[in-house]
Amino acid sequence: MARAAASSVGVASVVLLLLVVANVSFSEANVEGIRDLSGACGVEFPPCFASVSRLIWSGEGKSTSTVASPWRRSAVETPLPANNSLVLAAARTRRSDPVAKLTMYEGGWNISDTHYWASVAYTGAPLFLVAAVWFVGFGVVMLVISCCCCFCRKRSDRYSPTSYIASLVLLVILTCVTIAGCFVLNAGQESFHRSTIGTVDYVEGQGNLTVDNLRNFAGSLAAAKNIGVDNIFLPVDVQQKIDIVEEKLNSSANEFSARIVQNSDKFKNVMDKMQYYLMAVGVIMLGLALLGFVFSVLGLQFLVSLLVIAGWVVLTVTISMAGGFILLHNVVGDTCVAMEEWVTHPQDHTALDDILPCVNVATANESLHRSEEVTAQLVALVNNVIVNISNRDFPPGFKPLWFNQSGPLMPVLCNPFNPDMTARKCGPGEVTFSTAPDEWKRFECQVAGDAGSEVCTTVGRVTPPAYNQMTAAASISMGLYEFGPFLMQLQDCTFVRETFTSISVNNCPGLERYSRLVYDGLMLMSVSVMLSVVFWMVHTRQRRRRARCGKQPG
């Protein structure tokens, strides 16, 4: 039982937050808009945009429909062979299933399986049984004692010095144990609360980072719409589709960000309330122990009787809370192990597929290949203007290609990809995305004339308007190139895998340790107060008998 308590309650809360954070859906129109853009521009968007609409839990706890996506691997759309399936946390979750005639549960971690919940709930049955036995048994004992006091006129008033001293010594020891348990509970719940909130802040930060990247990606698409070098622009229909997708991306990112903050706040409120209840239990149990000790030493039988009744009820609640805590411990311990196993098998079919579906490697590579192609095309567009217009000396009457360009030739923009889309090193005389604006600035000339028909009046190869257009195109190319790894991480679940790994390595050990302290504190106080309730009555009765015998205390 104590071993089961070593599971990490905080990780369950973190996973719940991840599930709730995922409660942001793209509408069918959103997905269709993204597909339209991918078809028009040659850009294939990551499947996470579509799969994020697959919700497990909504804010009201209702399930929603699934948006079909050709990018996402699904157990329904693409059944996997049995040998490619993975049962998560199989060894840890092998428990008796009460709804299956106490046969062993073999389904592994699966929060959508009622047999899993039945088997894990069964682990808390011993403490629930203890709470029930205590409530009924001690209630019957108190009833019998009350009847004996009322109807049995021949009562033994024999004083026992051994019982008197022994009960006093045991009360001192049990009160000290209760105080120690209170300190253990307080230290555990404070560390547990701090570590859990830190874990939630980490998850929230990771979610906000994704939102920022999505917004920046949408911004890059919006800027690509306005790219034009020497009056060469994207087609009008592509610009219109970019407008639609940009609006939908920003809308979804805003909703996603709002849900992150909202659900994080809700979770933190729950954790604050849990901390408050644990502190209240500790204070009440400590108060009962101290007052019971004082009242029993002073021989205040009526007040002791009231505390016995209060302790009877409070102990029932506390033991039941410990049982619920064990249940939660086991669920989150299973989740910790499931996350750790999933990290090493992200492409296998598991129970986590319904929450965090991943695409196969071929689809991920294809999506990244599309992004690389678009980057290469933008670089080729800029270099085409540089080589065929800026670096050529046209006769004066050959407008609009002639604008009196002269001087040293401009360097071309480095294409980071070979024709086969393998990585390419920049050649001599080529400028990179980051150095292009400064390098090209040296070739900018001063102009005269009306807007749109400027002519260089100084040595140079590019007019200010053309320079701005080239640098804008280079900036957009750099943005698409830098977002390639980010899109790849979303597609092959690298982002989620890194988050789970970080939680497993950095958060699980501390949360297990602190949750163990909380459980130990609860059980320590429960046992000590349970015994104290008995010895309050024993010591109070022995003290009264001693007084009747005319003996002075101590």
Protein backbone atom coordinates (compact mmCIF):
# COMPACT_ATOMS: atom_id res chain seq x y z
CA MET A 1 0.00 0.00 0.00
CA ALA A 2 2.78 2.39 0.92
CA ARG A 3 4.64 1.44 -2.23
CA ALA A 4 1.62 2.44 -4.29
CA ALA A 5 1.76 5.81 -2.65
CA ALA A 6 5.08 6.55 -4.27
CA SER A 7 3.43 7.41 -7.59
CA SER A 8 3.42 11.02 -8.69
CA VAL A 9 0.10 12.79 -8.26
CA GLY A 10 1.43 15.94 -9.89
CA VAL A 11 2.15 14.26 -13.19
CA ALA A 12 -1.49 13.24 -13.48
CA SER A 13 -2.43 16.85 -13.03
CA VAL A 14 0.06 17.83 -15.71
CA VAL A 15 -1.32 15.27 -18.11
CA LEU A 16 -4.84 16.50 -17.39
CA LEU A 17 -3.62 19.98 -18.24
CA LEU A 18 -2.13 18.70 -21.48
CA LEU A 19 -5.43 17.09 -22.37
CA VAL A 20 -7.41 20.18 -21.49
CA VAL A 21 -4.93 22.41 -23.32
CA ALA A 22 -5.56 20.25 -26.37
CA ASN A 23 -9.21 21.34 -26.21
CA VAL A 24 -8.87 23.67 -29.18
CA SER A 25 -10.29 22.61 -32.49
CA PHE A 26 -9.87 23.80 -36.00
CA SER A 27 -13.16 23.75 -37.80
CA GLU A 28 -13.60 21.81 -41.00
CA ALA A 29 -13.31 25.10 -42.85
CA ASN A 30 -9.99 25.80 -41.13
CA VAL A 31 -8.59 22.47 -42.25
CA GLU A 32 -9.91 22.88 -45.74
CA GLY A 33 -8.38 26.37 -45.91
CA ILE A 34 -5.00 24.98 -44.92
CA ARG A 35 -5.29 22.24 -47.53
CA ASP A 36 -6.23 24.84 -50.15
CA LEU A 37 -3.08 26.80 -49.40
CA SER A 38 -0.93 23.69 -49.43
CA GLY A 39 -2.28 22.84 -52.84
CA ALA A 40 -1.82 26.34 -54.22
CA CYS A 41 1.60 27.19 -52.80
CA GLY A 42 3.20 23.78 -52.61
CA VAL A 43 3.35 24.05 -48.83
CA GLU A 44 2.07 21.13 -46.79
CA PHE A 45 1.11 22.07 -43.28
CA PRO A 46 1.83 19.88 -40.26
CA PRO A 47 -0.80 17.35 -39.24
CA CYS A 48 -0.93 18.82 -35.76
CA PHE A 49 -3.02 21.67 -37.23
CA ALA A 50 -5.65 19.14 -38.21
CA SER A 51 -5.19 16.68 -35.40
CA VAL A 52 -5.55 19.36 -32.75
CA SER A 53 -9.26 19.26 -33.49
CA ARG A 54 -9.38 15.71 -32.22
CA LEU A 55 -10.46 16.24 -28.66
CA ILE A 56 -10.51 13.70 -25.87
CA TRP A 57 -11.90 15.95 -23.18
CA SER A 58 -13.71 19.22 -23.71
CA GLY A 59 -14.17 21.87 -21.07
CA GLU A 60 -17.43 20.21 -20.07
CA GLY A 61 -15.98 16.72 -20.20
CA LYS A 62 -17.68 15.78 -23.49
CA SER A 63 -16.01 14.06 -26.37
CA THR A 64 -16.05 15.61 -29.81
CA SER A 65 -15.88 14.30 -33.30
CA THR A 66 -12.72 13.57 -35.18
CA VAL A 67 -11.60 15.62 -38.14
CA ALA A 68 -10.24 13.31 -40.79
CA SER A 69 -6.75 14.16 -41.99
CA PRO A 70 -4.62 12.39 -44.57
CA TRP A 71 -1.53 13.46 -42.63
CA ARG A 72 -2.39 11.79 -39.33
CA ARG A 73 -1.88 8.13 -38.54
CA SER A 74 -5.05 6.78 -36.97
CA ALA A 75 -5.94 3.36 -35.66
CA VAL A 76 -9.27 3.66 -37.46
CA GLU A 77 -7.99 4.98 -40.76
CA THR A 78 -4.85 2.84 -40.89
CA PRO A 79 -5.18 -0.33 -38.79
CA LEU A 80 -1.83 -1.50 -37.53
CA PRO A 81 -0.78 -5.10 -37.30
CA ALA A 82 -0.92 -6.68 -33.89
CA ASN A 83 2.86 -6.89 -33.66
CA ASN A 84 3.10 -3.10 -34.06
CA SER A 85 0.87 -2.41 -31.06
CA LEU A 86 2.33 -1.46 -27.71
CA VAL A 87 0.62 -1.86 -24.35
CA LEU A 88 1.84 0.97 -22.15
CA ALA A 89 2.84 0.30 -18.53
CA ALA A 90 1.75 -3.33 -18.90
CA ALA A 91 3.65 -4.64 -15.89
CA ARG A 92 2.66 -1.79 -13.59
CA THR A 93 -1.04 -1.90 -14.45
CA ARG A 94 -1.42 -5.66 -13.97
CA ARG A 95 -3.97 -5.59 -11.13
CA SER A 96 -7.14 -7.37 -10.08
CA ASP A 97 -10.21 -6.16 -11.93
CA PRO A 98 -13.31 -6.21 -9.68
CA VAL A 99 -15.73 -5.89 -12.60
CA ALA A 100 -14.18 -8.95 -14.25
CA LYS A 101 -14.48 -11.30 -11.27
CA LEU A 102 -11.08 -10.22 -9.92
CA THR A 103 -9.20 -11.50 -12.94
CA MET A 104 -5.95 -9.73 -13.75
CA TYR A 105 -6.25 -6.64 -15.93
CA GLU A 106 -3.92 -6.91 -18.94
CA GLY A 107 -4.85 -3.85 -20.99
CA GLY A 108 -2.12 -1.49 -19.76
CA TRP A 109 -2.54 2.24 -19.30
CA ASN A 110 -5.74 3.28 -21.02
CA ILE A 111 -7.87 6.06 -19.55
CA SER A 112 -10.72 5.24 -21.93
CA ASP A 113 -11.05 1.67 -20.61
CA THR A 114 -13.50 1.16 -17.75
CA HIS A 115 -11.64 -1.99 -16.71
CA TYR A 116 -8.50 0.08 -16.21
CA TRP A 117 -10.33 2.48 -13.91
CA ALA A 118 -11.94 -0.40 -12.03
CA SER A 119 -8.59 -2.11 -11.47
CA VAL A 120 -6.86 1.06 -10.32
CA ALA A 121 -9.77 2.00 -8.06
CA TYR A 122 -9.52 -1.42 -6.47
CA THR A 123 -6.08 -0.50 -5.12
CA GLY A 124 -7.71 2.04 -2.82
CA ALA A 125 -10.23 -0.48 -1.52
CA PRO A 126 -8.22 -1.48 1.58
CA LEU A 127 -8.23 2.03 3.00
CA PHE A 128 -11.87 2.59 2.09
CA LEU A 129 -12.61 -0.67 3.92
CA VAL A 130 -10.58 0.51 6.91
CA ALA A 131 -12.52 3.77 6.95
CA ALA A 132 -15.84 1.90 6.83
CA VAL A 133 -14.79 -0.56 9.55
CA TRP A 134 -13.57 2.28 11.73
CA PHE A 135 -16.76 4.28 11.28
CA VAL A 136 -19.10 1.35 11.93
CA GLY A 137 -16.98 -0.49 14.49
CA PHE A 138 -16.05 2.48 16.63
CA GLY A 139 -19.60 3.75 16.41
CA VAL A 140 -20.86 0.44 17.75
CA VAL A 141 -18.24 0.53 20.52
CA MET A 142 -19.30 4.00 21.57
CA LEU A 143 -22.95 2.90 21.53
CA VAL A 144 -22.16 -0.12 23.73
CA ILE A 145 -20.16 2.01 26.14
CA SER A 146 -22.98 4.53 26.36
CA CYS A 147 -25.53 1.77 27.07
CA CYS A 148 -23.29 0.28 29.76
CA CYS A 149 -22.90 3.65 31.43
CA CYS A 150 -26.67 4.20 31.43
CA PHE A 151 -27.99 0.74 32.34
CA CYS A 152 -25.21 -1.07 34.17
CA ARG A 153 -25.37 0.17 37.75
CA LYS A 154 -22.61 -2.08 39.03
CA ARG A 155 -19.56 -0.49 37.55
CA SER A 156 -16.02 -1.25 38.60
CA ASP A 157 -14.22 1.80 39.94
CA ARG A 158 -10.97 -0.04 40.51
CA TYR A 159 -7.99 2.23 39.85
CA SER A 160 -5.04 0.79 37.97
CA PRO A 161 -1.77 2.73 38.35
CA THR A 162 -0.28 0.78 35.48
CA SER A 163 -3.09 1.76 33.15
CA TYR A 164 -2.91 5.36 34.32
CA ILE A 165 0.85 5.71 33.74
CA ALA A 166 0.84 3.66 30.55
CA SER A 167 -2.02 5.65 29.01
CA LEU A 168 -0.31 8.93 29.94
CA VAL A 169 3.00 7.88 28.42
CA LEU A 170 1.31 6.59 25.28
CA LEU A 171 -0.67 9.83 24.94
CA VAL A 172 2.55 11.84 25.13
CA ILE A 173 4.16 9.63 22.49
CA LEU A 174 1.11 9.63 20.22
CA THR A 175 0.72 13.39 20.49
CA CYS A 176 4.37 13.82 19.51
CA VAL A 177 3.85 11.45 16.59
CA THR A 178 0.82 13.47 15.49
CA ILE A 179 2.86 16.67 15.63
CA ALA A 180 5.59 15.00 13.58
CA GLY A 181 3.00 13.76 11.09
CA CYS A 182 1.63 17.27 10.78
CA PHE A 183 5.10 18.61 9.96
CA VAL A 184 5.65 15.83 7.43
CA LEU A 185 2.29 16.55 5.80
CA ASN A 186 2.96 20.29 5.72
CA ALA A 187 6.45 19.88 4.25
CA GLY A 188 5.18 17.38 1.70
CA GLN A 189 2.18 19.40 0.55
CA GLU A 190 4.19 22.62 0.22
CA SER A 191 6.93 20.94 -1.83
CA PHE A 192 4.34 19.01 -3.80
CA HIS A 193 2.35 22.15 -4.56
CA ARG A 194 5.46 24.08 -5.57
CA SER A 195 6.78 21.31 -7.81
CA THR A 196 3.40 20.69 -9.43
CA ILE A 197 2.82 24.36 -10.17
CA GLY A 198 6.34 24.53 -11.59
CA THR A 199 5.55 21.60 -13.86
CA VAL A 200 2.35 23.28 -15.01
CA ASP A 201 4.23 26.52 -15.69
CA TYR A 202 6.68 24.52 -17.80
CA VAL A 203 3.88 22.93 -19.82
CA GLU A 204 2.19 26.32 -20.19
CA GLY A 205 5.47 27.83 -21.38
CA GLN A 206 5.90 25.08 -23.94
CA GLY A 207 2.35 25.64 -25.16
CA ASN A 208 2.92 29.40 -25.41
CA LEU A 209 6.11 28.74 -27.35
CA THR A 210 4.13 26.70 -29.85
CA VAL A 211 1.50 29.43 -30.08
CA ASP A 212 4.19 32.03 -30.75
CA ASN A 213 5.70 29.88 -33.47
CA LEU A 214 2.30 29.39 -35.07
CA ARG A 215 1.68 33.13 -35.04
CA ASN A 216 5.11 33.83 -36.49
CA PHE A 217 4.51 31.22 -39.15
CA ALA A 218 1.19 32.86 -39.99
CA GLY A 219 3.01 36.18 -40.14
CA SER A 220 5.53 34.75 -42.58
CA LEU A 221 2.70 33.56 -44.80
CA ALA A 222 1.07 36.98 -44.64
CA ALA A 223 4.34 38.65 -45.60
CA ALA A 224 4.82 36.17 -48.46
CA LYS A 225 1.53 37.41 -49.91
CA ASN A 226 2.97 40.89 -50.38
CA ILE A 227 6.33 39.79 -51.78
CA GLY A 228 7.09 41.49 -55.04
CA VAL A 229 10.45 42.15 -56.70
CA ASP A 230 10.42 44.49 -59.70
CA ASN A 231 6.65 44.16 -59.96
CA ILE A 232 6.72 40.36 -59.81
CA PHE A 233 4.14 39.18 -57.27
CA LEU A 234 2.39 36.03 -56.22
CA PRO A 235 -0.81 35.23 -58.12
CA VAL A 236 -3.96 36.94 -56.84
CA ASP A 237 -5.77 33.69 -56.03
CA VAL A 238 -2.83 32.54 -53.91
CA GLN A 239 -2.82 35.86 -52.06
CA GLN A 240 -6.52 35.47 -51.30
CA LYS A 241 -6.01 31.95 -49.97
CA ILE A 242 -3.11 33.19 -47.83
CA ASP A 243 -5.45 35.82 -46.34
CA ILE A 244 -7.98 33.12 -45.42
CA VAL A 245 -5.39 30.80 -43.90
CA GLU A 246 -3.67 33.63 -42.03
CA GLU A 247 -6.95 34.65 -40.44
CA LYS A 248 -7.78 31.10 -39.44
CA LEU A 249 -4.30 30.40 -38.10
CA ASN A 250 -4.29 33.55 -36.00
CA SER A 251 -7.81 32.83 -34.76
CA SER A 252 -6.90 29.29 -33.77
CA ALA A 253 -3.65 30.42 -32.18
CA ASN A 254 -5.51 33.06 -30.16
CA GLU A 255 -8.07 30.50 -29.02
CA PHE A 256 -5.32 28.04 -28.20
CA SER A 257 -3.47 30.68 -26.17
CA ALA A 258 -6.63 31.68 -24.31
CA ARG A 259 -7.38 28.05 -23.47
CA ILE A 260 -3.84 27.53 -22.19
CA VAL A 261 -4.15 30.46 -19.80
CA GLN A 262 -7.73 29.61 -18.81
CA ASN A 263 -7.11 25.94 -18.12
CA SER A 264 -3.82 26.64 -16.42
CA ASP A 265 -5.59 29.03 -14.08
CA LYS A 266 -8.29 26.45 -13.40
CA PHE A 267 -5.72 23.80 -12.65
CA LYS A 268 -3.79 26.08 -10.33
CA ASN A 269 -7.01 26.89 -8.50
CA VAL A 270 -7.61 23.17 -8.03
CA MET A 271 -4.09 22.71 -6.72
CA ASP A 272 -4.53 25.66 -4.37
CA LYS A 273 -7.73 24.13 -3.03
CA MET A 274 -6.02 20.76 -2.61
CA GLN A 275 -3.27 22.47 -0.66
CA TYR A 276 -5.87 24.26 1.46
CA TYR A 277 -7.71 21.02 2.27
CA LEU A 278 -4.48 19.22 3.16
CA MET A 279 -3.47 22.10 5.43
CA ALA A 280 -6.95 22.10 7.00
CA VAL A 281 -6.75 18.36 7.66
CA GLY A 282 -3.33 18.80 9.25
CA VAL A 283 -4.49 21.66 11.46
CA ILE A 284 -7.67 19.85 12.54
CA MET A 285 -5.85 16.62 13.34
CA LEU A 286 -3.15 18.48 15.25
CA GLY A 287 -5.77 20.48 17.15
CA LEU A 288 -7.64 17.29 18.04
CA ALA A 289 -4.46 15.64 19.33
CA LEU A 290 -3.38 18.62 21.45
CA LEU A 291 -6.83 19.37 22.88
CA GLY A 292 -7.50 15.69 23.53
CA PHE A 293 -4.22 15.38 25.39
CA VAL A 294 -4.87 18.48 27.50
CA PHE A 295 -8.51 17.62 28.27
CA SER A 296 -7.69 14.01 29.17
CA VAL A 297 -4.84 15.08 31.49
CA LEU A 298 -7.16 17.59 33.16
CA GLY A 299 -9.90 14.98 33.47
CA LEU A 300 -12.51 16.99 31.51
CA GLN A 301 -14.63 14.02 30.59
CA PHE A 302 -17.41 15.92 28.80
CA LEU A 303 -14.98 17.76 26.51
CA VAL A 304 -13.07 14.55 25.91
CA SER A 305 -16.33 12.87 24.88
CA LEU A 306 -16.99 15.64 22.37
CA LEU A 307 -13.47 15.28 20.95
CA VAL A 308 -13.93 11.51 20.69
CA ILE A 309 -17.02 12.01 18.57
CA ALA A 310 -15.26 14.65 16.45
CA GLY A 311 -12.22 12.42 16.05
CA TRP A 312 -14.43 9.51 15.03
CA VAL A 313 -15.86 11.51 12.11
CA VAL A 314 -12.66 13.33 11.13
CA LEU A 315 -10.67 10.11 11.09
CA THR A 316 -13.22 8.48 8.80
CA VAL A 317 -12.84 11.38 6.36
CA THR A 318 -9.04 11.40 6.61
CA ILE A 319 -8.67 7.66 5.99
CA SER A 320 -11.05 7.93 3.03
CA MET A 321 -8.92 10.79 1.66
CA ALA A 322 -5.85 8.58 2.00
CA GLY A 323 -7.65 5.89 0.00
CA GLY A 324 -8.49 8.38 -2.71
CA PHE A 325 -4.91 9.57 -2.63
CA ILE A 326 -3.67 6.02 -3.29
CA LEU A 327 -6.03 5.74 -6.26
CA LEU A 328 -4.71 9.00 -7.69
CA HIS A 329 -1.15 7.92 -6.94
CA ASN A 330 -1.56 4.77 -9.00
CA VAL A 331 -3.20 6.55 -11.92
CA VAL A 332 -0.44 9.11 -12.19
CA GLY A 333 2.25 6.55 -11.58
CA ASP A 334 0.86 4.59 -14.51
CA THR A 335 0.81 7.79 -16.55
CA CYS A 336 4.45 8.49 -15.76
CA VAL A 337 5.49 5.03 -16.91
CA ALA A 338 3.23 5.26 -19.97
CA MET A 339 4.78 8.55 -21.02
CA GLU A 340 8.28 7.16 -20.56
CA GLU A 341 7.51 4.09 -22.67
CA TRP A 342 5.72 6.14 -25.33
CA VAL A 343 8.76 8.40 -25.70
CA THR A 344 10.77 5.41 -26.89
CA HIS A 345 7.99 4.09 -29.16
CA PRO A 346 6.26 7.18 -30.64
CA GLN A 347 5.36 5.46 -33.91
CA ASP A 348 3.73 2.39 -32.37
CA HIS A 349 -0.01 2.19 -31.90
CA THR A 350 -0.74 2.91 -28.21
CA ALA A 351 -3.53 4.26 -26.03
CA LEU A 352 -1.87 7.66 -26.32
CA ASP A 353 -2.69 7.77 -30.05
CA ASP A 354 -6.15 9.11 -29.24
CA ILE A 355 -4.54 12.05 -27.44
CA LEU A 356 -1.26 12.59 -29.28
CA PRO A 357 -1.46 10.98 -32.73
CA CYS A 358 1.77 10.95 -34.72
CA VAL A 359 2.29 10.60 -38.42
CA ASN A 360 4.63 8.13 -40.05
CA VAL A 361 8.13 9.10 -41.09
CA ALA A 362 7.31 9.21 -44.81
CA THR A 363 4.55 11.77 -44.32
CA ALA A 364 6.74 13.91 -42.07
CA ASN A 365 9.57 13.87 -44.60
CA GLU A 366 7.17 14.79 -47.41
CA SER A 367 5.83 17.77 -45.46
CA LEU A 368 9.34 19.01 -44.75
CA HIS A 369 10.28 18.49 -48.39
CA ARG A 370 7.43 20.79 -49.45
CA SER A 371 8.68 23.50 -47.11
CA GLU A 372 12.20 23.16 -48.49
CA GLU A 373 10.88 23.48 -52.03
CA VAL A 374 9.07 26.73 -51.27
CA THR A 375 12.19 28.17 -49.66
CA ALA A 376 14.26 27.23 -52.69
CA GLN A 377 11.71 28.78 -55.05
CA LEU A 378 11.76 32.09 -53.18
CA VAL A 379 15.56 32.15 -53.28
CA ALA A 380 15.47 31.41 -57.00
CA LEU A 381 13.02 34.29 -57.52
CA VAL A 382 15.36 36.79 -55.82
CA ASN A 383 18.45 35.48 -57.58
CA ASN A 384 16.67 35.64 -60.92
CA VAL A 385 16.07 39.39 -60.44
CA ILE A 386 19.66 39.94 -59.30
CA VAL A 387 21.28 38.00 -62.16
CA ASN A 388 18.95 39.00 -65.03
CA ILE A 389 18.14 42.58 -64.09
CA SER A 390 20.33 44.18 -61.42
CA ASN A 391 23.67 42.74 -62.59
CA ARG A 392 23.07 43.36 -66.29
CA ASP A 393 23.90 46.57 -68.14
CA PHE A 394 20.96 47.34 -70.41
CA PRO A 395 20.96 50.18 -72.94
CA PRO A 396 19.41 53.43 -71.64
CA GLY A 397 16.24 53.10 -73.63
CA PHE A 398 15.50 49.56 -72.48
CA LYS A 399 13.03 50.47 -69.74
CA PRO A 400 11.88 49.30 -67.27
CA LEU A 401 14.84 46.90 -67.09
CA TRP A 402 17.29 49.80 -67.39
CA PHE A 403 17.45 52.17 -64.41
CA ASN A 404 21.08 53.27 -64.89
CA GLN A 405 22.50 50.40 -62.86
CA SER A 406 26.30 50.30 -62.73
CA GLY A 407 29.26 49.36 -60.56
CA PRO A 408 30.33 46.04 -58.98
CA LEU A 409 27.97 43.10 -59.34
CA MET A 410 25.61 42.23 -56.49
CA PRO A 411 26.11 38.89 -54.72
CA VAL A 412 23.34 36.36 -55.09
CA LEU A 413 21.40 34.86 -52.21
CA CYS A 414 22.62 31.51 -50.90
CA ASN A 415 20.25 28.64 -51.54
CA PRO A 416 20.45 26.26 -48.54
CA PHE A 417 19.28 23.31 -50.67
CA ASN A 418 20.62 21.43 -53.65
CA PRO A 419 18.23 20.56 -56.50
CA ASP A 420 17.57 17.22 -54.79
CA MET A 421 16.77 19.11 -51.54
CA THR A 422 19.83 17.90 -49.68
CA ALA A 423 21.68 20.40 -47.52
CA ARG A 424 23.97 22.73 -49.46
CA LYS A 425 26.83 24.93 -48.31
CA CYS A 426 26.99 28.48 -49.53
CA GLY A 427 29.34 29.07 -52.43
CA PRO A 428 31.90 31.87 -52.81
CA GLY A 429 30.33 35.30 -53.23
CA GLU A 430 26.89 34.22 -51.97
CA VAL A 431 25.20 35.92 -49.04
CA THR A 432 23.11 34.21 -46.42
CA PHE A 433 19.62 35.14 -45.26
CA SER A 434 20.94 37.00 -42.25
CA THR A 435 23.78 38.87 -44.00
CA ALA A 436 21.93 39.70 -47.22
CA PRO A 437 20.38 43.01 -46.05
CA ASP A 438 23.75 44.48 -45.00
CA GLU A 439 25.60 43.17 -48.04
CA TRP A 440 23.00 44.37 -50.53
CA LYS A 441 22.84 47.75 -48.83
CA ARG A 442 26.29 48.52 -50.26
CA PHE A 443 24.86 48.21 -53.78
CA GLU A 444 21.92 50.53 -53.24
CA CYS A 445 22.01 53.70 -55.31
CA GLN A 446 20.41 57.08 -54.86
CA VAL A 447 17.55 57.69 -57.26
CA ALA A 448 15.61 60.43 -58.91
CA GLY A 449 12.33 60.40 -60.73
CA ASP A 450 8.75 59.44 -60.08
CA ALA A 451 7.81 56.44 -57.97
CA GLY A 452 7.91 53.30 -60.05
CA SER A 453 10.27 54.76 -62.64
CA GLU A 454 13.25 55.71 -60.48
CA VAL A 455 16.67 56.03 -62.10
CA CYS A 456 19.98 55.73 -60.27
CA THR A 457 21.91 58.97 -59.96
CA THR A 458 24.86 57.31 -58.22
CA VAL A 459 26.75 54.08 -58.72
CA GLY A 460 24.67 51.11 -57.66
CA ARG A 461 22.85 47.98 -58.74
CA VAL A 462 19.54 48.26 -56.95
CA THR A 463 17.07 51.04 -56.24
CA PRO A 464 15.73 51.56 -52.70
CA PRO A 465 12.29 50.12 -53.54
CA ALA A 466 13.85 47.05 -55.17
CA TYR A 467 16.24 46.69 -52.23
CA ASN A 468 13.31 46.64 -49.82
CA GLN A 469 11.56 44.03 -51.91
CA MET A 470 14.63 41.80 -52.07
CA THR A 471 15.30 42.00 -48.34
CA ALA A 472 11.64 41.25 -47.65
CA ALA A 473 11.80 38.17 -49.88
CA ALA A 474 15.02 37.07 -48.17
CA SER A 475 13.40 37.56 -44.76
CA ILE A 476 10.41 35.45 -45.72
CA SER A 477 12.69 32.76 -47.12
CA MET A 478 14.63 32.73 -43.87
CA GLY A 479 11.39 32.48 -41.90
CA LEU A 480 10.15 29.51 -43.89
CA TYR A 481 13.56 27.87 -43.69
CA GLU A 482 13.78 28.33 -39.91
CA PHE A 483 10.22 27.09 -39.37
CA GLY A 484 11.03 23.85 -41.18
CA PRO A 485 12.45 22.11 -38.08
CA PHE A 486 9.55 23.41 -35.99
CA LEU A 487 7.02 21.94 -38.40
CA MET A 488 8.98 18.70 -38.44
CA GLN A 489 8.87 18.55 -34.63
CA LEU A 490 5.10 18.96 -34.69
CA GLN A 491 4.73 16.29 -37.32
CA ASP A 492 6.86 13.53 -35.77
CA CYS A 493 5.85 14.39 -32.17
CA THR A 494 9.37 15.50 -31.25
CA PHE A 495 7.90 18.44 -29.36
CA VAL A 496 5.60 16.23 -27.28
CA ARG A 497 8.33 13.63 -26.84
CA GLU A 498 10.75 16.24 -25.49
CA THR A 499 8.08 17.60 -23.16
CA PHE A 500 7.24 14.14 -21.82
CA THR A 501 10.93 13.32 -21.43
CA SER A 502 11.55 16.51 -19.50
CA ILE A 503 8.61 15.79 -17.19
CA SER A 504 9.69 12.19 -16.64
CA VAL A 505 13.31 13.08 -15.92
CA ASN A 506 13.01 16.41 -14.14
CA ASN A 507 9.58 16.37 -12.50
CA CYS A 508 8.50 12.81 -11.79
CA PRO A 509 11.18 11.99 -9.19
CA GLY A 510 10.47 15.08 -7.10
CA LEU A 511 6.73 14.70 -7.36
CA GLU A 512 6.95 11.06 -6.31
CA ARG A 513 9.05 12.01 -3.31
CA TYR A 514 6.81 14.85 -2.21
CA SER A 515 3.57 12.93 -2.78
CA ARG A 516 5.03 10.11 -0.68
CA LEU A 517 5.58 12.65 2.12
CA VAL A 518 1.95 13.77 1.85
CA TYR A 519 0.71 10.19 2.10
CA ASP A 520 3.08 9.37 4.97
CA GLY A 521 1.92 12.45 6.85
CA LEU A 522 -1.74 11.55 6.42
CA MET A 523 -1.26 7.97 7.53
CA LEU A 524 0.99 8.95 10.44
CA MET A 525 -1.59 11.37 11.79
CA SER A 526 -4.47 8.97 11.15
CA VAL A 527 -2.92 6.10 13.07
CA SER A 528 -1.68 8.28 15.94
CA VAL A 529 -4.99 10.10 16.36
CA MET A 530 -6.92 6.82 16.06
CA LEU A 531 -4.95 5.38 18.98
CA SER A 532 -5.11 8.68 20.84
CA VAL A 533 -8.91 8.62 20.76
CA VAL A 534 -8.84 5.29 22.58
CA PHE A 535 -6.31 6.38 25.18
CA TRP A 536 -8.13 9.69 25.80
CA MET A 537 -11.02 7.65 27.15
CA VAL A 538 -8.76 5.24 29.06
CA HIS A 539 -6.70 7.96 30.71
CA THR A 540 -9.71 10.13 31.56
CA ARG A 541 -11.47 7.18 33.22
CA GLN A 542 -8.36 6.16 35.17
CA ARG A 543 -7.84 9.71 36.32
CA ARG A 544 -11.42 9.93 37.61
CA ARG A 545 -11.04 6.61 39.43
CA ARG A 546 -7.79 7.77 40.94
CA ALA A 547 -9.47 10.91 42.19
CA ARG A 548 -12.26 8.85 43.74
CA CYS A 549 -9.70 6.76 45.54
CA GLY A 550 -8.35 9.92 47.11
CA LYS A 551 -4.99 9.75 45.40
CA GLN A 552 -3.37 12.90 44.13
CA PRO A 553 -2.04 13.03 40.61
CA GLY A 554 1.68 12.67 40.00
